[in-house]
Each structure stands twice: as structure tokens, then as C-alpha cells.
């Protein structure tokens, strides 16, 4: 899935467009209220999970906590309705479980960081990009074409990569730790 295209499709402007065309009685959009509401919820969730600037950081009174919690409740209710009444879920079972784990983890992490004295939380920094970058770099140094190379080429790749990028990520990948690092 292309995330950029999904974000464009599930945006506030698409939700607004659905509402406008429904109001104008465009054929086929008579029952689009639920779709518009869902699109707005997903847009708000994307925004809550991508806070990158300190001035917009999530604080204990921020609306983003409520948005994430509301979407988590939506996931739970959708699954319960599917089990009890056989309603159609908006995503696969695996996706629903992944959403639940991700949203619950983010909420717990936000609450934990705020309770331990953090002034704000930047959810846009909670992602796997550093890991993807590291493994992308290691793959680029290797000559193995498949996705699961043997351990021997992996060791050679790590040795080559060690000279390329230093820091906590490399330390984590090579099983060393820097105890003085802080969040």
C-alpha cells in the first residue's frame, strides 16, 4: 500500500467533498454520511499519530489522546459487532489486531511519558524509519538477491555497514547498548 495515496484519499478534504456532493444530491452519495465520518476519523488519527513539532506536541490535555482512544474504541466495537452480528469489518482481522496493538501502545506510551515528566510527546517520532533505514543500508552493501540471506553474508554486510553509520541504531543492531542514552 502506498501510504501517501492513502493519506490523500482518507483526508479532511475528501470527507468535506463527500458531504458537499451528498448535500447537492449527487447520485450514489445518498448514504455517504458514514463514509465521510470514517474518513474524518482516519484523517484525525493520521494527524494525531504524526505530530512532529514541539509547539503541537501532545500534552495531557491534548485532543489527540481522545482521537486515538476514540479510534481504538471504534476498532473494538467493529470487531465485537462482527462477532455478534456478522457485520462487515472495515479492514481484515490481522489489520484490526495490528491497529489495536499500535493504538493501545501509543496511548500507553504517551500516558507513561507524560506521567514521568515529559512536557509533550511527538508521535511523529515514534516510527520504524530508523530500522528501515538501517536494514536498507545493510541490504545495499550485500550482493545477495533474496530477502532472507544466510548469516554469513549478513555478517559481512554488518561489517561493511559499521564503517558507514555509527550510533545507537548500529549498536542495537550489533547487540551493544549505550546505557547513557536517554529519550
C-alpha atoms as a PDB file:
ATOM      1  CA  UNK A   1       0.000   0.000   0.000  1.00  0.00           C
ATOM      2  CA  UNK A   2       1.200   3.473  -0.808  1.00  0.00           C
ATOM      3  CA  UNK A   3       0.824   5.477   2.405  1.00  0.00           C
ATOM      4  CA  UNK A   4       0.976   8.841   0.649  1.00  0.00           C
ATOM      5  CA  UNK A   5      -2.003   7.926  -1.550  1.00  0.00           C
ATOM      6  CA  UNK A   6      -3.946   6.509   1.406  1.00  0.00           C
ATOM      7  CA  UNK A   7      -3.410   9.737   3.342  1.00  0.00           C
ATOM      8  CA  UNK A   8      -4.649  11.740   0.355  1.00  0.00           C
ATOM      9  CA  UNK A   9      -7.733   9.542  -0.016  1.00  0.00           C
ATOM     10  CA  UNK A  10      -8.593   9.493   3.684  1.00  0.00           C
ATOM     11  CA  UNK A  11      -8.280  13.254   4.164  1.00  0.00           C
ATOM     12  CA  UNK A  12     -10.459  16.015   5.546  1.00  0.00           C
ATOM     13  CA  UNK A  13     -10.953  17.436   2.021  1.00  0.00           C
ATOM     14  CA  UNK A  14     -12.347  14.112   0.754  1.00  0.00           C
ATOM     15  CA  UNK A  15     -14.712  13.938   3.751  1.00  0.00           C
ATOM     16  CA  UNK A  16     -15.842  17.511   3.064  1.00  0.00           C
ATOM     17  CA  UNK A  17     -16.282  16.694  -0.631  1.00  0.00           C
ATOM     18  CA  UNK A  18     -18.480  13.704   0.218  1.00  0.00           C
ATOM     19  CA  UNK A  19     -20.673  15.898   2.420  1.00  0.00           C
ATOM     20  CA  UNK A  20     -20.956  18.621  -0.237  1.00  0.00           C
ATOM     21  CA  UNK A  21     -21.860  16.200  -3.021  1.00  0.00           C
ATOM     22  CA  UNK A  22     -24.395  14.489  -0.767  1.00  0.00           C
ATOM     23  CA  UNK A  23     -25.969  17.855   0.011  1.00  0.00           C
ATOM     24  CA  UNK A  24     -26.112  18.558  -3.737  1.00  0.00           C
ATOM     25  CA  UNK A  25     -27.897  15.191  -4.084  1.00  0.00           C
ATOM     26  CA  UNK A  26     -25.267  13.667  -6.352  1.00  0.00           C
ATOM     27  CA  UNK A  27     -26.391  10.170  -7.447  1.00  0.00           C
ATOM     28  CA  UNK A  28     -24.768   7.381  -5.448  1.00  0.00           C
ATOM     29  CA  UNK A  29     -23.878   9.505  -2.426  1.00  0.00           C
ATOM     30  CA  UNK A  30     -27.230   9.389  -0.638  1.00  0.00           C
ATOM     31  CA  UNK A  31     -25.835   7.151   2.118  1.00  0.00           C
ATOM     32  CA  UNK A  32     -22.317   8.597   2.314  1.00  0.00           C
ATOM     33  CA  UNK A  33     -22.557  10.029   5.845  1.00  0.00           C
ATOM     34  CA  UNK A  34     -20.801   7.039   7.410  1.00  0.00           C
ATOM     35  CA  UNK A  35     -18.023   7.124   4.834  1.00  0.00           C
ATOM     36  CA  UNK A  36     -17.492  10.852   5.368  1.00  0.00           C
ATOM     37  CA  UNK A  37     -17.419  10.385   9.152  1.00  0.00           C
ATOM     38  CA  UNK A  38     -14.990   7.441   8.891  1.00  0.00           C
ATOM     39  CA  UNK A  39     -12.754   9.426   6.521  1.00  0.00           C
ATOM     40  CA  UNK A  40     -12.674  12.320   9.007  1.00  0.00           C
ATOM     41  CA  UNK A  41     -11.817   9.936  11.854  1.00  0.00           C
ATOM     42  CA  UNK A  42      -8.942   8.381   9.898  1.00  0.00           C
ATOM     43  CA  UNK A  43      -7.671  11.849   8.929  1.00  0.00           C
ATOM     44  CA  UNK A  44      -7.722  12.917  12.586  1.00  0.00           C
ATOM     45  CA  UNK A  45      -5.947   9.678  13.557  1.00  0.00           C
ATOM     46  CA  UNK A  46      -3.218  10.287  10.957  1.00  0.00           C
ATOM     47  CA  UNK A  47      -2.777  13.792  12.353  1.00  0.00           C
ATOM     48  CA  UNK A  48      -2.615  12.508  15.950  1.00  0.00           C
ATOM     49  CA  UNK A  49      -0.026   9.869  15.047  1.00  0.00           C
ATOM     50  CA  UNK A  50       2.172  12.291  13.076  1.00  0.00           C
ATOM     51  CA  UNK A  51       2.778  15.187  15.479  1.00  0.00           C
ATOM     52  CA  UNK A  52       6.313  16.368  14.675  1.00  0.00           C
ATOM     53  CA  UNK A  53       6.708  19.893  16.043  1.00  0.00           C
ATOM     54  CA  UNK A  54       7.109  20.727  19.750  1.00  0.00           C
ATOM     55  CA  UNK A  55       4.544  23.532  19.591  1.00  0.00           C
ATOM     56  CA  UNK A  56       1.939  20.939  18.535  1.00  0.00           C
ATOM     57  CA  UNK A  57       3.275  18.251  20.904  1.00  0.00           C
ATOM     58  CA  UNK A  58       0.752  16.043  22.652  1.00  0.00           C
ATOM     59  CA  UNK A  59       0.202  17.138  26.237  1.00  0.00           C
ATOM     60  CA  UNK A  60      -2.075  15.629  28.883  1.00  0.00           C
ATOM     61  CA  UNK A  61      -4.927  17.928  27.817  1.00  0.00           C
ATOM     62  CA  UNK A  62      -4.455  17.417  24.052  1.00  0.00           C
ATOM     63  CA  UNK A  63      -7.333  16.338  21.838  1.00  0.00           C
ATOM     64  CA  UNK A  64      -5.048  13.809  20.107  1.00  0.00           C
ATOM     65  CA  UNK A  65      -5.267  11.466  23.106  1.00  0.00           C
ATOM     66  CA  UNK A  66      -9.043  11.440  22.738  1.00  0.00           C
ATOM     67  CA  UNK A  67      -8.796  10.897  18.956  1.00  0.00           C
ATOM     68  CA  UNK A  68      -6.519   7.867  19.364  1.00  0.00           C
ATOM     69  CA  UNK A  69      -8.737   6.473  22.134  1.00  0.00           C
ATOM     70  CA  UNK A  70     -11.875   7.013  20.037  1.00  0.00           C
ATOM     71  CA  UNK A  71     -10.396   5.147  17.070  1.00  0.00           C
ATOM     72  CA  UNK A  72      -9.311   2.322  19.391  1.00  0.00           C
ATOM     73  CA  UNK A  73     -12.907   2.102  20.652  1.00  0.00           C
ATOM     74  CA  UNK A  74     -14.106   2.048  17.022  1.00  0.00           C
ATOM     75  CA  UNK A  75     -11.800  -0.891  16.271  1.00  0.00           C
ATOM     76  CA  UNK A  76     -13.069  -2.786  19.332  1.00  0.00           C
ATOM     77  CA  UNK A  77     -16.758  -2.083  18.620  1.00  0.00           C
ATOM     78  CA  UNK A  78     -16.363  -3.035  14.955  1.00  0.00           C
ATOM     79  CA  UNK A  79     -14.828  -6.365  15.925  1.00  0.00           C
ATOM     80  CA  UNK A  80     -17.471  -7.047  18.577  1.00  0.00           C
ATOM     81  CA  UNK A  81     -20.250  -6.295  16.077  1.00  0.00           C
ATOM     82  CA  UNK A  82     -18.602  -8.563  13.526  1.00  0.00           C
ATOM     83  CA  UNK A  83     -18.503 -11.425  16.025  1.00  0.00           C
ATOM     84  CA  UNK A  84     -22.028 -10.927  17.422  1.00  0.00           C
ATOM     85  CA  UNK A  85     -23.955  -9.760  14.373  1.00  0.00           C
ATOM     86  CA  UNK A  86     -21.790 -10.709  11.403  1.00  0.00           C
ATOM     87  CA  UNK A  87     -21.335  -7.110  10.229  1.00  0.00           C
ATOM     88  CA  UNK A  88     -18.586  -6.348   7.733  1.00  0.00           C
ATOM     89  CA  UNK A  89     -15.346  -5.005   9.193  1.00  0.00           C
ATOM     90  CA  UNK A  90     -13.614  -2.058   7.519  1.00  0.00           C
ATOM     91  CA  UNK A  91     -10.312  -3.986   7.470  1.00  0.00           C
ATOM     92  CA  UNK A  92      -9.025  -7.548   7.739  1.00  0.00           C
ATOM     93  CA  UNK A  93      -8.744  -9.311  11.093  1.00  0.00           C
ATOM     94  CA  UNK A  94      -4.942  -9.010  11.052  1.00  0.00           C
ATOM     95  CA  UNK A  95      -5.171  -5.279  10.305  1.00  0.00           C
ATOM     96  CA  UNK A  96      -7.682  -4.805  13.129  1.00  0.00           C
ATOM     97  CA  UNK A  97      -5.397  -6.605  15.590  1.00  0.00           C
ATOM     98  CA  UNK A  98      -2.421  -4.556  14.404  1.00  0.00           C
ATOM     99  CA  UNK A  99      -4.401  -1.328  14.798  1.00  0.00           C
ATOM    100  CA  UNK A 100      -5.442  -2.323  18.308  1.00  0.00           C
ATOM    101  CA  UNK A 101      -1.881  -3.120  19.372  1.00  0.00           C
ATOM    102  CA  UNK A 102      -0.467   0.038  17.778  1.00  0.00           C
ATOM    103  CA  UNK A 103      -3.102   2.408  19.164  1.00  0.00           C
ATOM    104  CA  UNK A 104      -3.074   0.889  22.655  1.00  0.00           C
ATOM    105  CA  UNK A 105       0.740   1.005  22.698  1.00  0.00           C
ATOM    106  CA  UNK A 106       0.852   4.632  21.555  1.00  0.00           C
ATOM    107  CA  UNK A 107      -1.730   5.635  24.187  1.00  0.00           C
ATOM    108  CA  UNK A 108       0.189   3.800  26.915  1.00  0.00           C
ATOM    109  CA  UNK A 109       3.467   5.342  25.790  1.00  0.00           C
ATOM    110  CA  UNK A 110       2.012   8.868  25.694  1.00  0.00           C
ATOM    111  CA  UNK A 111       0.497   8.487  29.168  1.00  0.00           C
ATOM    112  CA  UNK A 112       3.672   6.939  30.556  1.00  0.00           C
ATOM    113  CA  UNK A 113       5.947   9.650  29.151  1.00  0.00           C
ATOM    114  CA  UNK A 114       3.659  12.448  30.347  1.00  0.00           C
ATOM    115  CA  UNK A 115       3.362  10.893  33.820  1.00  0.00           C
ATOM    116  CA  UNK A 116       7.161  10.716  34.058  1.00  0.00           C
ATOM    117  CA  UNK A 117       7.582  14.418  33.426  1.00  0.00           C
ATOM    118  CA  UNK A 118       7.766  14.780  29.650  1.00  0.00           C
ATOM    119  CA  UNK A 119       6.381  18.175  28.623  1.00  0.00           C
ATOM    120  CA  UNK A 120       4.951  16.768  25.400  1.00  0.00           C
ATOM    121  CA  UNK A 121       5.157  13.752  23.085  1.00  0.00           C
ATOM    122  CA  UNK A 122       5.928  13.909  19.377  1.00  0.00           C
ATOM    123  CA  UNK A 123       4.164  10.869  17.929  1.00  0.00           C
ATOM    124  CA  UNK A 124       5.704  11.537  14.523  1.00  0.00           C
ATOM    125  CA  UNK A 125       8.997  10.372  16.028  1.00  0.00           C
ATOM    126  CA  UNK A 126       7.527   7.003  17.088  1.00  0.00           C
ATOM    127  CA  UNK A 127       8.098   5.034  13.915  1.00  0.00           C
ATOM    128  CA  UNK A 128      10.285   2.389  12.385  1.00  0.00           C
ATOM    129  CA  UNK A 129      12.069   4.599   9.857  1.00  0.00           C
ATOM    130  CA  UNK A 130      15.470   4.295  11.612  1.00  0.00           C
ATOM    131  CA  UNK A 131      15.229   0.493  11.495  1.00  0.00           C
ATOM    132  CA  UNK A 132      14.095   0.527   7.865  1.00  0.00           C
ATOM    133  CA  UNK A 133      16.978   2.845   7.006  1.00  0.00           C
ATOM    134  CA  UNK A 134      19.482   0.581   8.766  1.00  0.00           C
ATOM    135  CA  UNK A 135      18.290  -2.584   7.036  1.00  0.00           C
ATOM    136  CA  UNK A 136      18.087  -0.750   3.719  1.00  0.00           C
ATOM    137  CA  UNK A 137      21.718   0.270   4.123  1.00  0.00           C
ATOM    138  CA  UNK A 138      22.777  -3.264   5.049  1.00  0.00           C
ATOM    139  CA  UNK A 139      20.917  -4.674   2.040  1.00  0.00           C
ATOM    140  CA  UNK A 140      22.562  -2.126  -0.237  1.00  0.00           C
ATOM    141  CA  UNK A 141      26.014  -3.361   0.836  1.00  0.00           C
ATOM    142  CA  UNK A 142      25.153  -7.003   0.200  1.00  0.00           C
ATOM    143  CA  UNK A 143      25.309  -8.907  -3.038  1.00  0.00           C
ATOM    144  CA  UNK A 144      22.599 -11.380  -2.057  1.00  0.00           C
ATOM    145  CA  UNK A 145      19.450 -11.021  -4.144  1.00  0.00           C
ATOM    146  CA  UNK A 146      16.907 -12.746  -1.909  1.00  0.00           C
ATOM    147  CA  UNK A 147      15.150 -11.212   1.095  1.00  0.00           C
ATOM    148  CA  UNK A 148      16.477 -13.703   3.644  1.00  0.00           C
ATOM    149  CA  UNK A 149      20.233 -14.055   3.128  1.00  0.00           C
ATOM    150  CA  UNK A 150      22.285 -16.574   5.051  1.00  0.00           C
ATOM    151  CA  UNK A 151      24.017 -15.455   8.276  1.00  0.00           C
ATOM    152  CA  UNK A 152      27.468 -15.327   6.643  1.00  0.00           C
ATOM    153  CA  UNK A 153      26.641 -12.567   4.108  1.00  0.00           C
ATOM    154  CA  UNK A 154      24.726 -10.756   6.881  1.00  0.00           C
ATOM    155  CA  UNK A 155      27.887 -10.617   8.997  1.00  0.00           C
ATOM    156  CA  UNK A 156      29.834  -9.273   6.051  1.00  0.00           C
ATOM    157  CA  UNK A 157      27.128  -6.668   5.436  1.00  0.00           C
ATOM    158  CA  UNK A 158      27.213  -5.560   9.088  1.00  0.00           C
ATOM    159  CA  UNK A 159      30.997  -5.204   8.963  1.00  0.00           C
ATOM    160  CA  UNK A 160      30.774  -3.084   5.821  1.00  0.00           C
ATOM    161  CA  UNK A 161      27.913  -1.065   7.261  1.00  0.00           C
ATOM    162  CA  UNK A 162      29.759  -0.494  10.540  1.00  0.00           C
ATOM    163  CA  UNK A 163      32.037   1.961   8.818  1.00  0.00           C
ATOM    164  CA  UNK A 164      29.103   3.717   7.183  1.00  0.00           C
ATOM    165  CA  UNK A 165      26.792   4.605  10.065  1.00  0.00           C
ATOM    166  CA  UNK A 166      27.579   4.809  13.764  1.00  0.00           C
ATOM    167  CA  UNK A 167      25.259   5.398  16.670  1.00  0.00           C
ATOM    168  CA  UNK A 168      22.582   3.810  18.844  1.00  0.00           C
ATOM    169  CA  UNK A 169      20.866   2.146  15.874  1.00  0.00           C
ATOM    170  CA  UNK A 170      24.032   0.365  14.811  1.00  0.00           C
ATOM    171  CA  UNK A 171      24.681  -0.543  18.439  1.00  0.00           C
ATOM    172  CA  UNK A 172      21.209  -2.043  18.727  1.00  0.00           C
ATOM    173  CA  UNK A 173      21.688  -3.999  15.524  1.00  0.00           C
ATOM    174  CA  UNK A 174      25.005  -5.399  16.733  1.00  0.00           C
ATOM    175  CA  UNK A 175      23.676  -6.145  20.255  1.00  0.00           C
ATOM    176  CA  UNK A 176      25.604  -3.447  22.097  1.00  0.00           C
ATOM    177  CA  UNK A 177      23.931  -0.829  24.270  1.00  0.00           C
ATOM    178  CA  UNK A 178      24.742   2.678  25.365  1.00  0.00           C
ATOM    179  CA  UNK A 179      23.347   2.952  28.916  1.00  0.00           C
ATOM    180  CA  UNK A 180      23.741   6.735  28.964  1.00  0.00           C
ATOM    181  CA  UNK A 181      21.297   7.262  26.081  1.00  0.00           C
ATOM    182  CA  UNK A 182      18.074   8.891  27.155  1.00  0.00           C
ATOM    183  CA  UNK A 183      14.764   9.501  25.452  1.00  0.00           C
END
